Amino acid sequence: MVEPGSSSVPSLGSFADVLDLPLVHAGKVRELYAYDRPDGSGDALLMVATDRISAFDFVLDSLVPDKGAVLTQLSQWWFAQLGDIVDNHVLSTDVPEPVRGRAVVCERLEMVPVECVARGYLTGSGWLEYQRSRSVCGVPLPEGLVDGSRLPEPIFTPATKAAFGEHDENVDFETMAASTGLALAERLRDLTLAVYARAEEVARGRGLVLADTKLEFGRRPDGTIVLADEVLTPDSSRYWDAATWEPGGRLDAFDKQFIRNWLLHDSGWDRASGEAPPPIPPGVVADTRERYLQAYARLTGTEFAPA
């Protein structure tokens, strides 16, 4: 087992005080700083993945050691698997020492304000919606499905990208197209499903079920669509153990669903209260970290090593 390698991470998980750079944006997990392109040709961004973790639109008070580095390095591995499908935003992994291994230099893009979600299995908010309407985001599904069921074919279920602290909202394809334009909506749908198809096959070959994933895309000035942010990490995807996967029963997660389950079932927190969740106990933090490391090792075939 790899020992935590995040002793240099600030106590609040932010790197704003240790990087002498203008902070452009701070999200739930990532921070963006103004940066120069490696070749000196213009402006870029330094994207730093912190060890913060979010659940139910709250940033929790607990950090998960090495999480930001795992997300960054696993995204890099996946970008290499997807290069023939879509370009990505990474310009360089040569970054300042305080964020080595957990940051990349990336392009400035016009981000599309839509979460592009592909689902191959029914769970989460999709399962809740299915119980009400036998559909997910306007896509009709057959009777008799249960939590964890494999869908007849993967579906595209977009969501509006909400401001920090607000809830993303699942929408149907027509609503998305009304916002982005039909041509862009169709292109994003096709790319999302193509990425999912490749990743689902890869994950299955490594003993993992990729239930669903959330992607973000941006556009270059010439209109080229680019895969951005993170990709196919345990923060943005649901991974289950294929050996124990049981629709309607056991769904052993290698992602932050472990944290969600603790909050919902063991913490005493009332999600409907509007109050912030409690701090995560050290044991739950350690188990969450171990699941992230296992996902990394299973997918890449190598043990995670802090940079």
Protein backbone atom coordinates (compact mmCIF):
# COMPACT_ATOMS: atom_id res chain seq x y z
CA MET A 1 0.00 0.00 0.00
CA VAL A 2 1.33 3.43 -0.93
CA GLU A 3 1.62 5.82 1.97
CA PRO A 4 -0.12 9.21 1.65
CA GLY A 5 2.09 11.65 -0.20
CA SER A 6 0.26 14.90 0.41
CA SER A 7 2.18 16.30 3.38
CA SER A 8 2.80 19.46 1.35
CA VAL A 9 -0.92 20.04 0.72
CA PRO A 10 -2.18 23.13 2.58
CA SER A 11 -4.61 22.36 5.40
CA LEU A 12 -7.56 23.87 3.51
CA GLY A 13 -6.66 22.07 0.32
CA SER A 14 -6.06 25.30 -1.64
CA PHE A 15 -2.77 26.20 -3.33
CA ALA A 16 -3.53 29.91 -3.76
CA ASP A 17 -1.09 30.87 -1.00
CA VAL A 18 1.81 28.77 -2.27
CA LEU A 19 1.58 29.65 -5.96
CA ASP A 20 2.60 33.16 -6.92
CA LEU A 21 0.04 33.22 -9.73
CA PRO A 22 -3.27 34.97 -10.37
CA LEU A 23 -6.17 32.73 -9.33
CA VAL A 24 -8.69 32.70 -12.19
CA HIS A 25 -11.27 30.31 -10.74
CA ALA A 26 -11.69 28.03 -7.74
CA GLY A 27 -14.15 25.17 -8.16
CA LYS A 28 -15.20 22.42 -5.79
CA VAL A 29 -12.03 20.43 -6.42
CA ARG A 30 -9.91 22.26 -9.03
CA GLU A 31 -8.23 25.65 -9.11
CA LEU A 32 -7.29 27.50 -12.29
CA TYR A 33 -4.40 29.96 -12.38
CA ALA A 34 -3.24 32.28 -15.17
CA TYR A 35 -0.15 30.81 -16.78
CA ASP A 36 1.98 31.20 -19.91
CA ARG A 37 2.00 28.64 -22.69
CA PRO A 38 5.17 26.51 -22.62
CA ASP A 39 6.24 27.82 -26.04
CA GLY A 40 5.59 31.45 -25.07
CA SER A 41 2.90 31.80 -27.73
CA GLY A 42 0.18 33.14 -25.44
CA ASP A 43 -1.91 32.67 -22.34
CA ALA A 44 -2.73 29.31 -20.83
CA LEU A 45 -4.06 27.99 -17.53
CA LEU A 46 -2.51 25.99 -14.74
CA MET A 47 -5.17 23.51 -13.58
CA VAL A 48 -4.53 22.15 -10.09
CA ALA A 49 -6.47 19.23 -8.61
CA THR A 50 -6.72 19.60 -4.84
CA ASP A 51 -7.45 16.86 -2.30
CA ARG A 52 -10.88 18.33 -1.58
CA ILE A 53 -13.90 16.11 -2.11
CA SER A 54 -17.48 17.12 -2.81
CA ALA A 55 -20.76 15.31 -2.37
CA PHE A 56 -24.34 16.43 -2.94
CA ASP A 57 -23.06 19.85 -4.06
CA PHE A 58 -21.17 20.45 -0.80
CA VAL A 59 -17.40 20.67 -0.48
CA LEU A 60 -16.70 18.51 2.55
CA ASP A 61 -14.48 19.59 5.44
CA SER A 62 -12.21 16.58 5.01
CA LEU A 63 -9.36 16.10 2.54
CA VAL A 64 -8.57 12.75 0.89
CA PRO A 65 -4.74 12.46 0.74
CA ASP A 66 -3.28 12.08 -2.77
CA LYS A 67 -6.71 12.38 -4.39
CA GLY A 68 -5.77 15.32 -6.59
CA ALA A 69 -2.67 13.57 -7.88
CA VAL A 70 -4.61 10.38 -8.60
CA LEU A 71 -7.23 12.33 -10.56
CA THR A 72 -4.61 14.21 -12.57
CA GLN A 73 -2.47 11.19 -13.41
CA LEU A 74 -5.43 8.94 -14.20
CA SER A 75 -6.86 11.62 -16.50
CA GLN A 76 -3.52 11.75 -18.31
CA TRP A 77 -3.64 7.99 -18.78
CA TRP A 78 -7.16 8.14 -20.17
CA PHE A 79 -6.37 11.05 -22.50
CA ALA A 80 -3.74 8.79 -24.08
CA GLN A 81 -6.36 6.06 -24.63
CA LEU A 82 -8.77 8.50 -26.29
CA GLY A 83 -6.45 10.47 -28.59
CA ASP A 84 -7.92 8.98 -31.75
CA ILE A 85 -11.45 10.00 -30.69
CA VAL A 86 -11.07 13.60 -29.49
CA ASP A 87 -8.36 16.19 -28.72
CA ASN A 88 -7.72 17.15 -25.10
CA HIS A 89 -6.75 20.41 -23.45
CA VAL A 90 -3.36 19.47 -21.94
CA LEU A 91 -0.35 21.43 -23.19
CA SER A 92 2.27 20.28 -20.68
CA THR A 93 2.81 18.42 -17.43
CA ASP A 94 5.85 20.58 -16.60
CA VAL A 95 4.40 22.51 -13.65
CA PRO A 96 5.64 24.39 -10.56
CA GLU A 97 7.15 22.17 -7.87
CA PRO A 98 4.42 22.72 -5.21
CA VAL A 99 1.83 21.15 -7.53
CA ARG A 100 4.00 18.60 -9.33
CA GLY A 101 1.97 15.49 -10.19
CA ARG A 102 -1.37 17.12 -9.46
CA ALA A 103 -1.47 19.87 -12.09
CA VAL A 104 -1.27 20.39 -15.85
CA VAL A 105 -0.82 23.37 -18.13
CA CYS A 106 -3.89 23.51 -20.35
CA GLU A 107 -5.46 25.54 -23.10
CA ARG A 108 -7.85 28.40 -22.51
CA LEU A 109 -11.10 27.26 -24.11
CA GLU A 110 -14.65 28.48 -24.50
CA MET A 111 -16.28 25.91 -22.23
CA VAL A 112 -19.65 24.48 -23.20
CA PRO A 113 -21.93 25.00 -20.14
CA VAL A 114 -23.30 21.44 -20.25
CA GLU A 115 -22.36 18.32 -18.33
CA CYS A 116 -22.19 15.57 -20.96
CA VAL A 117 -23.19 12.33 -19.26
CA ALA A 118 -23.16 8.83 -20.72
CA ARG A 119 -24.89 6.01 -18.85
CA GLY A 120 -24.46 2.35 -19.61
CA TYR A 121 -26.04 1.22 -16.35
CA LEU A 122 -28.98 2.49 -14.34
CA THR A 123 -28.12 4.01 -10.97
CA GLY A 124 -27.93 7.30 -9.06
CA SER A 125 -30.20 10.10 -10.25
CA GLY A 126 -31.03 8.04 -13.33
CA TRP A 127 -32.42 5.24 -11.16
CA LEU A 128 -34.52 7.73 -9.18
CA GLU A 129 -35.93 9.23 -12.38
CA TYR A 130 -36.61 5.81 -13.88
CA GLN A 131 -38.73 4.83 -10.89
CA ARG A 132 -40.94 7.84 -11.53
CA SER A 133 -41.19 7.87 -15.31
CA ARG A 134 -39.55 4.74 -16.78
CA SER A 135 -37.21 7.13 -18.58
CA VAL A 136 -34.03 9.12 -17.97
CA CYS A 137 -33.67 12.62 -19.42
CA GLY A 138 -36.44 11.91 -21.91
CA VAL A 139 -34.95 8.58 -23.04
CA PRO A 140 -37.57 5.81 -22.56
CA LEU A 141 -36.33 2.61 -20.95
CA PRO A 142 -37.90 -0.85 -20.66
CA GLU A 143 -39.83 -2.12 -17.66
CA GLY A 144 -38.24 -4.32 -15.07
CA LEU A 145 -34.89 -2.57 -14.57
CA VAL A 146 -33.39 -2.33 -11.10
CA ASP A 147 -30.60 -0.30 -9.51
CA GLY A 148 -27.43 -1.44 -11.27
CA SER A 149 -29.09 -2.87 -14.37
CA ARG A 150 -27.14 -2.73 -17.61
CA LEU A 151 -29.08 -0.69 -20.17
CA PRO A 152 -29.95 -2.12 -23.58
CA GLU A 153 -27.49 0.42 -24.99
CA PRO A 154 -25.65 3.43 -23.53
CA ILE A 155 -27.66 6.64 -23.39
CA PHE A 156 -26.72 10.34 -23.42
CA THR A 157 -28.25 12.25 -20.50
CA PRO A 158 -27.00 15.86 -20.36
CA ALA A 159 -27.26 18.22 -17.42
CA THR A 160 -27.10 21.96 -17.12
CA LYS A 161 -23.89 23.10 -15.43
CA ALA A 162 -24.91 25.04 -12.35
CA ALA A 163 -22.99 27.79 -10.59
CA PHE A 164 -20.87 26.80 -7.61
CA GLY A 165 -23.13 25.87 -4.67
CA GLU A 166 -26.16 25.19 -6.87
CA HIS A 167 -27.48 21.93 -8.29
CA ASP A 168 -26.84 20.66 -11.80
CA GLU A 169 -30.15 19.76 -13.46
CA ASN A 170 -30.70 16.77 -15.72
CA VAL A 171 -32.34 17.82 -19.00
CA ASP A 172 -33.45 16.12 -22.19
CA PHE A 173 -31.54 16.38 -25.45
CA GLU A 174 -33.99 18.88 -26.93
CA THR A 175 -33.47 21.28 -24.01
CA MET A 176 -29.72 21.03 -24.43
CA ALA A 177 -29.97 21.61 -28.19
CA ALA A 178 -32.08 24.71 -27.62
CA SER A 179 -29.21 26.11 -25.58
CA THR A 180 -26.18 25.00 -27.61
CA GLY A 181 -27.64 24.67 -31.10
CA LEU A 182 -28.52 21.35 -32.70
CA ALA A 183 -25.25 20.76 -34.56
CA LEU A 184 -23.10 21.22 -31.44
CA ALA A 185 -25.49 19.16 -29.31
CA GLU A 186 -25.33 16.26 -31.76
CA ARG A 187 -21.55 16.43 -31.94
CA LEU A 188 -21.20 16.43 -28.15
CA ARG A 189 -23.62 13.54 -27.84
CA ASP A 190 -21.70 11.49 -30.40
CA LEU A 191 -18.32 12.24 -28.79
CA THR A 192 -19.61 11.45 -25.30
CA LEU A 193 -20.99 8.08 -26.35
CA ALA A 194 -17.82 7.28 -28.31
CA VAL A 195 -15.64 8.06 -25.27
CA TYR A 196 -17.89 5.96 -23.04
CA ALA A 197 -17.86 3.02 -25.44
CA ARG A 198 -14.05 2.98 -25.53
CA ALA A 199 -13.70 3.43 -21.78
CA GLU A 200 -16.35 0.85 -20.89
CA GLU A 201 -14.54 -1.75 -22.97
CA VAL A 202 -11.17 -0.90 -21.42
CA ALA A 203 -12.57 -0.94 -17.87
CA ARG A 204 -14.39 -4.23 -18.41
CA GLY A 205 -11.14 -5.82 -19.56
CA ARG A 206 -9.61 -4.79 -16.22
CA GLY A 207 -12.37 -6.14 -14.01
CA LEU A 208 -14.33 -2.92 -13.55
CA VAL A 209 -17.84 -1.91 -14.59
CA LEU A 210 -17.99 1.69 -15.82
CA ALA A 211 -21.58 2.51 -14.94
CA ASP A 212 -21.58 6.12 -16.13
CA THR A 213 -19.31 9.09 -16.67
CA LYS A 214 -19.51 12.86 -16.90
CA LEU A 215 -17.46 14.78 -19.46
CA GLU A 216 -16.79 18.46 -20.11
CA PHE A 217 -15.92 19.95 -23.48
CA GLY A 218 -14.62 23.28 -24.70
CA ARG A 219 -13.99 24.91 -28.06
CA ARG A 220 -10.88 26.45 -29.52
CA PRO A 221 -11.13 29.74 -31.44
CA ASP A 222 -11.28 27.73 -34.69
CA GLY A 223 -14.29 25.77 -33.40
CA THR A 224 -12.48 22.51 -32.66
CA ILE A 225 -14.16 20.61 -29.82
CA VAL A 226 -11.74 19.60 -27.07
CA LEU A 227 -12.13 17.28 -24.08
CA ALA A 228 -11.28 19.28 -20.96
CA ASP A 229 -11.14 19.19 -17.17
CA GLU A 230 -10.75 15.61 -15.89
CA VAL A 231 -11.80 12.41 -17.63
CA LEU A 232 -13.01 9.02 -16.39
CA THR A 233 -11.78 9.44 -12.82
CA PRO A 234 -13.50 8.14 -9.68
CA ASP A 235 -14.72 11.72 -9.13
CA SER A 236 -16.52 11.97 -12.46
CA SER A 237 -17.46 8.32 -13.06
CA ARG A 238 -18.97 5.36 -11.27
CA TYR A 239 -16.80 2.25 -11.21
CA TRP A 240 -17.99 -1.06 -9.74
CA ASP A 241 -16.20 -4.34 -9.16
CA ALA A 242 -17.25 -6.54 -12.10
CA ALA A 243 -16.70 -9.71 -10.08
CA THR A 244 -19.34 -8.78 -7.48
CA TRP A 245 -21.69 -6.60 -9.58
CA GLU A 246 -25.26 -7.68 -8.90
CA PRO A 247 -28.15 -5.65 -10.35
CA GLY A 248 -30.59 -4.85 -7.56
CA GLY A 249 -28.01 -5.93 -5.00
CA ARG A 250 -24.28 -5.57 -4.50
CA LEU A 251 -22.54 -2.68 -6.25
CA ASP A 252 -19.02 -2.41 -4.81
CA ALA A 253 -17.84 1.08 -5.71
CA PHE A 254 -14.35 2.32 -6.56
CA ASP A 255 -15.37 5.97 -6.52
CA LYS A 256 -16.78 8.63 -4.22
CA GLN A 257 -20.09 6.77 -3.90
CA PHE A 258 -18.48 5.30 -0.78
CA ILE A 259 -18.53 8.80 0.76
CA ARG A 260 -22.09 9.42 -0.44
CA ASN A 261 -23.26 6.16 1.12
CA TRP A 262 -21.66 7.04 4.47
CA LEU A 263 -23.34 10.45 4.45
CA LEU A 264 -26.75 9.02 3.59
CA HIS A 265 -26.77 5.95 5.81
CA ASP A 266 -24.27 6.26 8.66
CA SER A 267 -23.49 9.92 9.39
CA GLY A 268 -26.82 11.03 10.85
CA TRP A 269 -26.90 13.88 8.33
CA ASP A 270 -30.28 14.86 6.87
CA ARG A 271 -29.74 15.68 3.21
CA ALA A 272 -33.03 17.62 3.10
CA SER A 273 -32.01 19.89 5.96
CA GLY A 274 -29.94 22.24 3.81
CA GLU A 275 -27.15 22.05 6.38
CA ALA A 276 -23.60 21.14 5.41
CA PRO A 277 -22.58 17.51 5.94
CA PRO A 278 -20.42 16.61 8.95
CA PRO A 279 -16.67 16.00 8.69
CA ILE A 280 -15.73 12.58 7.37
CA PRO A 281 -14.18 10.23 9.98
CA PRO A 282 -10.52 9.29 9.39
CA GLY A 283 -11.42 5.66 8.74
CA VAL A 284 -13.89 6.57 6.00
CA VAL A 285 -11.33 8.96 4.48
CA ALA A 286 -8.73 6.18 4.45
CA ASP A 287 -11.16 3.72 2.85
CA THR A 288 -12.11 6.28 0.22
CA ARG A 289 -8.45 6.92 -0.60
CA GLU A 290 -7.82 3.19 -0.92
CA ARG A 291 -10.68 2.85 -3.41
CA TYR A 292 -9.23 5.63 -5.56
CA LEU A 293 -5.83 3.91 -5.50
CA GLN A 294 -7.38 0.57 -6.42
CA ALA A 295 -9.23 2.12 -9.36
CA TYR A 296 -5.99 3.68 -10.57
CA ALA A 297 -4.06 0.42 -10.24
CA ARG A 298 -6.70 -1.70 -11.92
CA LEU A 299 -7.12 0.63 -14.85
CA THR A 300 -3.50 1.54 -15.53
CA GLY A 301 -1.89 -1.73 -14.47
CA THR A 302 0.56 0.16 -12.22
CA GLU A 303 0.56 1.21 -8.60
CA PHE A 304 0.04 4.91 -7.95
CA ALA A 305 3.25 6.68 -6.98
CA PRO A 306 3.15 10.29 -5.74
CA ALA A 307 5.25 12.52 -7.99
